[in-house]
């Protein structure tokens, strides 16, 4: 559906995209995560045909975004990270203006635009001026106008930015409704909790490169494999420590009361093997768990950041 190959983009001496590559299937909701200034917006603008890469290619349904931009225009809906200035337009005029760009005019345009406003609960604001709307309403309106031509792909750059919790809930509700229409959606954000709730796959970008990509479970399984393992020992603690010291997969051991905490480099099968060894030697274990991480911790780990921005 979407193939991004070796995108490279440089502004002056600053390399923003450094051979970035990834692919998306039809119907995916892809969360594009990364700190500010690492290439998310640049990538999305290239994917939308609004910016040229210095090198590399983007293909959508086997069409070259750069060479076949006119043909792809009807397939993509792009929501930028800024709204723009429309001081003298009413909400319905704003919607009908964008509909006209795609050849939808007159009664057909009015009907379509009112239906979209109804979906985002802005029908009563149809005759209000755009600049009178709250930030949350403007964000919803911007997303609604991306839908006027019924695109197959939605590219949403920071749709939750600056929204209060109530407005984020409304925006998430609308995106989930669009998701059910089998659209392919790319969402950039630094609000990781929002993406984990709605995205089928997540990719973390840093320094212009895709650091990790997959489903939340796939990413966390890989990430958690490096987390400490905690065992509660009710009997045979000395025997357990002796076994652990001889196991090459154990790189650290610490003791907290009846708990033994180990750094363990093995996967799920290795965990099962270690548990069997301990039980076979008469060690009485009441709990045996790998400590779980979170998307926020993963973000910190792979980007080297000291904090995660949250909305």
Protein backbone atom coordinates (compact mmCIF):
# COMPACT_ATOMS: atom_id res chain seq x y z
CA UNK A 1 0.00 0.00 0.00
CA UNK A 2 2.66 2.54 1.11
CA UNK A 3 6.39 2.02 0.62
CA UNK A 4 8.94 4.54 1.88
CA UNK A 5 12.45 3.85 0.57
CA UNK A 6 15.66 5.51 1.79
CA UNK A 7 14.30 9.04 2.24
CA UNK A 8 17.07 11.58 2.67
CA UNK A 9 16.46 15.26 3.37
CA UNK A 10 18.86 17.95 4.43
CA UNK A 11 18.23 21.58 5.43
CA UNK A 12 21.52 23.41 5.17
CA UNK A 13 23.97 21.32 7.18
CA UNK A 14 21.21 19.60 9.19
CA UNK A 15 20.26 16.09 8.06
CA UNK A 16 16.57 15.66 8.91
CA UNK A 17 15.93 12.29 7.23
CA UNK A 18 18.76 9.79 7.00
CA UNK A 19 17.77 6.93 4.65
CA UNK A 20 14.39 6.47 6.32
CA UNK A 21 12.46 3.39 5.19
CA UNK A 22 9.23 1.68 6.24
CA UNK A 23 6.09 0.17 4.72
CA UNK A 24 2.41 0.18 5.62
CA UNK A 25 -0.44 -2.13 4.64
CA UNK A 26 -3.92 -1.04 3.64
CA UNK A 27 -6.08 -0.34 6.68
CA UNK A 28 -3.15 0.20 9.06
CA UNK A 29 -3.35 2.96 11.64
CA UNK A 30 0.29 3.89 12.02
CA UNK A 31 1.50 5.94 14.98
CA UNK A 32 4.56 7.96 13.97
CA UNK A 33 6.37 8.84 17.20
CA UNK A 34 9.39 11.00 17.88
CA UNK A 35 10.63 14.15 19.61
CA UNK A 36 10.15 17.49 17.90
CA UNK A 37 12.55 18.18 15.06
CA UNK A 38 13.45 14.58 14.15
CA UNK A 39 11.74 14.42 10.74
CA UNK A 40 8.09 13.46 11.33
CA UNK A 41 6.57 16.49 9.60
CA UNK A 42 9.14 16.40 6.81
CA UNK A 43 8.32 12.74 6.13
CA UNK A 44 4.58 13.41 6.09
CA UNK A 45 4.95 16.37 3.75
CA UNK A 46 7.01 14.24 1.36
CA UNK A 47 4.40 11.46 1.54
CA UNK A 48 1.70 14.01 0.77
CA UNK A 49 3.57 15.33 -2.27
CA UNK A 50 4.07 18.77 -0.72
CA UNK A 51 7.85 18.50 -0.38
CA UNK A 52 10.59 16.84 -2.41
CA UNK A 53 13.15 14.59 -0.82
CA UNK A 54 16.80 15.07 -1.74
CA UNK A 55 16.83 11.35 -2.53
CA UNK A 56 14.71 8.28 -1.93
CA UNK A 57 11.20 7.36 -3.04
CA UNK A 58 7.65 7.04 -1.72
CA UNK A 59 5.18 4.76 -3.49
CA UNK A 60 1.46 4.68 -2.77
CA UNK A 61 -0.44 1.87 -4.47
CA UNK A 62 2.61 1.48 -6.76
CA UNK A 63 2.42 5.14 -7.81
CA UNK A 64 5.43 7.41 -7.36
CA UNK A 65 4.39 10.29 -5.08
CA UNK A 66 6.67 12.73 -6.90
CA UNK A 67 5.93 11.70 -10.49
CA UNK A 68 2.25 10.80 -10.10
CA UNK A 69 1.20 13.56 -7.71
CA UNK A 70 -1.89 14.60 -9.70
CA UNK A 71 -3.21 11.04 -9.75
CA UNK A 72 -2.56 10.60 -6.02
CA UNK A 73 -4.22 13.88 -5.07
CA UNK A 74 -7.63 12.23 -4.71
CA UNK A 75 -6.25 9.38 -2.59
CA UNK A 76 -4.65 11.43 0.19
CA UNK A 77 -6.09 13.66 2.89
CA UNK A 78 -3.42 15.70 4.70
CA UNK A 79 -3.94 17.50 8.01
CA UNK A 80 -0.98 19.80 8.78
CA UNK A 81 0.22 20.67 12.27
CA UNK A 82 -1.11 24.22 11.91
CA UNK A 83 -4.60 25.39 11.01
CA UNK A 84 -3.99 28.53 8.96
CA UNK A 85 -5.94 31.79 8.88
CA UNK A 86 -9.54 31.90 7.65
CA UNK A 87 -10.87 34.96 9.42
CA UNK A 88 -13.58 35.79 6.90
CA UNK A 89 -14.95 32.31 6.26
CA UNK A 90 -17.85 30.64 8.01
CA UNK A 91 -17.47 26.96 8.88
CA UNK A 92 -19.74 25.78 6.07
CA UNK A 93 -17.96 28.10 3.60
CA UNK A 94 -14.61 26.69 4.70
CA UNK A 95 -15.84 23.12 4.08
CA UNK A 96 -17.45 23.95 0.73
CA UNK A 97 -14.29 25.74 -0.40
CA UNK A 98 -12.25 22.56 0.07
CA UNK A 99 -14.98 20.47 -1.54
CA UNK A 100 -14.80 22.71 -4.62
CA UNK A 101 -11.08 21.94 -4.98
CA UNK A 102 -12.12 18.35 -5.70
CA UNK A 103 -14.91 19.33 -8.08
CA UNK A 104 -17.75 18.96 -5.55
CA UNK A 105 -19.97 22.03 -5.75
CA UNK A 106 -23.53 23.29 -5.26
CA UNK A 107 -26.12 21.19 -3.45
CA UNK A 108 -23.90 18.11 -3.49
CA UNK A 109 -21.14 20.00 -1.70
CA UNK A 110 -23.50 21.48 0.88
CA UNK A 111 -25.07 18.11 1.66
CA UNK A 112 -21.70 16.38 1.97
CA UNK A 113 -20.22 19.11 4.15
CA UNK A 114 -23.21 19.16 6.49
CA UNK A 115 -22.97 15.38 6.86
CA UNK A 116 -19.30 15.67 7.80
CA UNK A 117 -20.02 18.47 10.27
CA UNK A 118 -22.72 16.31 11.82
CA UNK A 119 -20.22 13.48 12.31
CA UNK A 120 -17.93 15.73 14.32
CA UNK A 121 -20.75 17.44 16.24
CA UNK A 122 -20.23 20.85 14.62
CA UNK A 123 -23.56 21.19 12.82
CA UNK A 124 -24.64 24.03 15.11
CA UNK A 125 -21.43 25.90 14.22
CA UNK A 126 -21.99 25.77 10.45
CA UNK A 127 -22.76 29.51 10.26
CA UNK A 128 -20.13 30.57 12.79
CA UNK A 129 -16.88 32.13 11.63
CA UNK A 130 -13.90 29.82 11.71
CA UNK A 131 -11.80 32.13 13.88
CA UNK A 132 -14.50 32.01 16.57
CA UNK A 133 -14.01 28.28 17.13
CA UNK A 134 -12.02 26.79 19.98
CA UNK A 135 -8.72 25.01 19.26
CA UNK A 136 -10.43 21.63 19.61
CA UNK A 137 -13.21 22.58 17.21
CA UNK A 138 -10.69 23.85 14.67
CA UNK A 139 -8.78 20.58 14.87
CA UNK A 140 -11.95 18.57 14.27
CA UNK A 141 -12.94 20.88 11.42
CA UNK A 142 -9.52 20.48 9.81
CA UNK A 143 -9.85 16.70 10.01
CA UNK A 144 -13.37 16.83 8.58
CA UNK A 145 -12.26 18.84 5.56
CA UNK A 146 -9.59 16.17 4.89
CA UNK A 147 -12.52 13.80 4.35
CA UNK A 148 -14.44 15.82 1.73
CA UNK A 149 -13.03 13.78 -1.16
CA UNK A 150 -13.24 10.44 0.70
CA UNK A 151 -9.50 9.68 0.49
CA UNK A 152 -8.07 6.20 1.03
CA UNK A 153 -5.18 7.59 3.10
CA UNK A 154 -5.20 10.15 5.90
CA UNK A 155 -1.95 11.77 7.02
CA UNK A 156 -2.47 13.59 10.32
CA UNK A 157 0.36 15.70 11.72
CA UNK A 158 0.00 16.18 15.50
CA UNK A 159 -3.84 16.13 15.55
CA UNK A 160 -3.90 16.16 19.39
CA UNK A 161 -1.46 19.03 19.85
CA UNK A 162 -2.69 21.73 22.23
CA UNK A 163 -6.02 20.03 22.98
CA UNK A 164 -7.50 19.64 26.44
CA UNK A 165 -8.53 16.12 27.58
CA UNK A 166 -12.14 16.56 26.46
CA UNK A 167 -11.14 17.76 23.00
CA UNK A 168 -8.61 14.91 22.67
CA UNK A 169 -11.36 12.43 23.52
CA UNK A 170 -13.58 13.88 20.78
CA UNK A 171 -10.72 13.83 18.26
CA UNK A 172 -9.85 10.22 19.14
CA UNK A 173 -13.51 9.25 18.78
CA UNK A 174 -13.65 10.74 15.29
CA UNK A 175 -10.40 9.08 14.22
CA UNK A 176 -11.66 5.71 15.48
CA UNK A 177 -14.82 6.24 13.44
CA UNK A 178 -12.69 6.87 10.33
CA UNK A 179 -10.59 3.82 11.18
CA UNK A 180 -13.71 1.63 10.93
CA UNK A 181 -14.04 2.79 7.30
CA UNK A 182 -10.84 0.82 6.48
CA UNK A 183 -8.81 3.93 5.75
CA UNK A 184 -5.04 3.83 6.06
CA UNK A 185 -4.12 6.44 8.68
CA UNK A 186 -0.72 7.87 9.62
CA UNK A 187 -0.71 9.90 12.85
CA UNK A 188 2.32 11.74 14.20
CA UNK A 189 2.38 12.60 17.88
CA UNK A 190 4.46 12.72 21.03
CA UNK A 191 1.43 11.81 23.17
CA UNK A 192 2.22 8.12 23.31
CA UNK A 193 -0.80 7.07 25.36
CA UNK A 194 -3.14 8.40 22.65
CA UNK A 195 -1.41 6.40 19.94
CA UNK A 196 -1.27 3.17 21.90
CA UNK A 197 -5.05 3.21 22.24
CA UNK A 198 -5.86 3.56 18.55
CA UNK A 199 -2.92 2.50 16.39
CA UNK A 200 -2.38 -0.95 14.91
CA UNK A 201 1.35 -0.28 14.49
CA UNK A 202 3.79 2.20 15.98
CA UNK A 203 7.12 3.48 14.65
CA UNK A 204 9.63 5.52 16.63
CA UNK A 205 11.86 7.90 14.66
CA UNK A 206 14.97 9.58 15.98
CA UNK A 207 17.77 11.44 14.18
CA UNK A 208 16.04 10.83 10.86
CA UNK A 209 15.98 7.03 11.21
CA UNK A 210 13.25 4.53 12.08
CA UNK A 211 14.48 3.07 15.37
CA UNK A 212 11.75 0.50 15.92
CA UNK A 213 8.44 -0.40 14.23
CA UNK A 214 5.74 -2.98 14.92
CA UNK A 215 2.57 -3.61 16.90
CA UNK A 216 2.60 -2.43 20.50
CA UNK A 217 2.82 -6.07 21.68
CA UNK A 218 5.74 -6.81 19.32
CA UNK A 219 7.64 -3.73 20.38
CA UNK A 220 7.00 -4.26 24.07
CA UNK A 221 7.87 -7.97 23.89
CA UNK A 222 11.25 -7.06 22.41
CA UNK A 223 11.72 -4.22 24.88
CA UNK A 224 10.61 -6.21 27.94
CA UNK A 225 13.06 -8.99 27.10
CA UNK A 226 15.76 -6.66 28.43
CA UNK A 227 13.86 -5.88 31.64
CA UNK A 228 14.72 -7.47 35.03
CA UNK A 229 13.04 -10.69 36.11
CA UNK A 230 11.66 -10.86 39.64
CA UNK A 231 11.21 -14.15 41.51
CA UNK A 232 9.67 -14.64 44.93
CA UNK A 233 11.46 -17.55 46.62
CA UNK A 234 9.75 -19.28 49.56
CA UNK A 235 12.34 -22.01 49.94
CA UNK A 236 15.76 -22.94 48.55
CA UNK A 237 17.12 -19.42 48.08
CA UNK A 238 20.77 -20.49 48.31
CA UNK A 239 20.23 -23.25 45.74
CA UNK A 240 18.47 -20.75 43.45
CA UNK A 241 21.38 -18.29 43.68
CA UNK A 242 23.86 -21.08 42.89
CA UNK A 243 21.88 -22.06 39.76
CA UNK A 244 21.55 -18.46 38.62
CA UNK A 245 25.28 -17.75 38.99
CA UNK A 246 26.07 -20.65 36.64
CA UNK A 247 23.57 -19.57 33.97
CA UNK A 248 25.20 -17.60 31.13
CA UNK A 249 21.91 -15.80 30.45
CA UNK A 250 21.99 -14.16 33.90
CA UNK A 251 24.11 -11.00 33.98
CA UNK A 252 23.14 -9.61 37.39
CA UNK A 253 21.62 -10.82 40.67
CA UNK A 254 20.19 -8.77 43.54
CA UNK A 255 18.19 -9.80 46.62
CA UNK A 256 15.30 -7.96 48.28
CA UNK A 257 13.90 -9.93 51.24
CA UNK A 258 12.31 -13.07 49.74
CA UNK A 259 12.73 -11.75 46.17
CA UNK A 260 15.60 -12.41 43.79
CA UNK A 261 15.88 -9.92 40.92
CA UNK A 262 18.01 -10.88 37.93
CA UNK A 263 19.12 -9.34 34.68
CA UNK A 264 18.19 -12.04 32.17
CA UNK A 265 18.92 -11.86 28.45
CA UNK A 266 16.79 -14.81 27.31
CA UNK A 267 13.40 -14.85 25.67
CA UNK A 268 10.17 -16.60 26.64
CA UNK A 269 11.50 -20.11 25.98
CA UNK A 270 14.63 -19.32 28.01
CA UNK A 271 12.45 -18.13 30.89
CA UNK A 272 10.55 -21.44 30.84
CA UNK A 273 13.84 -23.36 30.79
CA UNK A 274 15.21 -21.43 33.77
CA UNK A 275 12.00 -21.91 35.75
CA UNK A 276 12.14 -25.68 35.12
CA UNK A 277 15.76 -25.85 36.29
CA UNK A 278 14.92 -24.11 39.54
CA UNK A 279 11.87 -26.25 40.27
CA UNK A 280 13.72 -29.47 39.43
CA UNK A 281 16.30 -28.55 42.09
CA UNK A 282 13.61 -28.13 44.73
CA UNK A 283 13.45 -24.32 44.74
CA UNK A 284 9.99 -23.21 45.90
CA UNK A 285 8.84 -20.27 43.74
CA UNK A 286 5.57 -18.40 44.33
CA UNK A 287 6.00 -15.85 41.54
CA UNK A 288 8.22 -15.57 38.47
CA UNK A 289 7.62 -12.50 36.29
CA UNK A 290 9.43 -10.23 33.90
CA UNK A 291 8.97 -6.60 34.90
CA UNK A 292 6.90 -4.77 32.30
CA UNK A 293 7.78 -1.50 30.67
CA UNK A 294 5.66 1.08 28.88
CA UNK A 295 5.72 2.93 25.59
CA UNK A 296 7.00 5.98 27.43
CA UNK A 297 9.94 4.01 28.83
CA UNK A 298 10.61 2.58 25.38
CA UNK A 299 10.62 6.08 23.93
CA UNK A 300 13.19 7.17 26.49
CA UNK A 301 15.33 4.10 25.87
CA UNK A 302 15.55 4.35 22.08
CA UNK A 303 15.77 8.15 21.78
CA UNK A 304 17.97 8.81 24.81
CA UNK A 305 15.56 11.53 25.96
CA UNK A 306 15.25 12.51 29.59
CA UNK A 307 11.53 13.12 29.51
CA UNK A 308 8.45 12.33 27.46
CA UNK A 309 6.09 15.09 26.47
CA UNK A 310 2.50 14.37 27.43
CA UNK A 311 -0.68 16.20 26.63
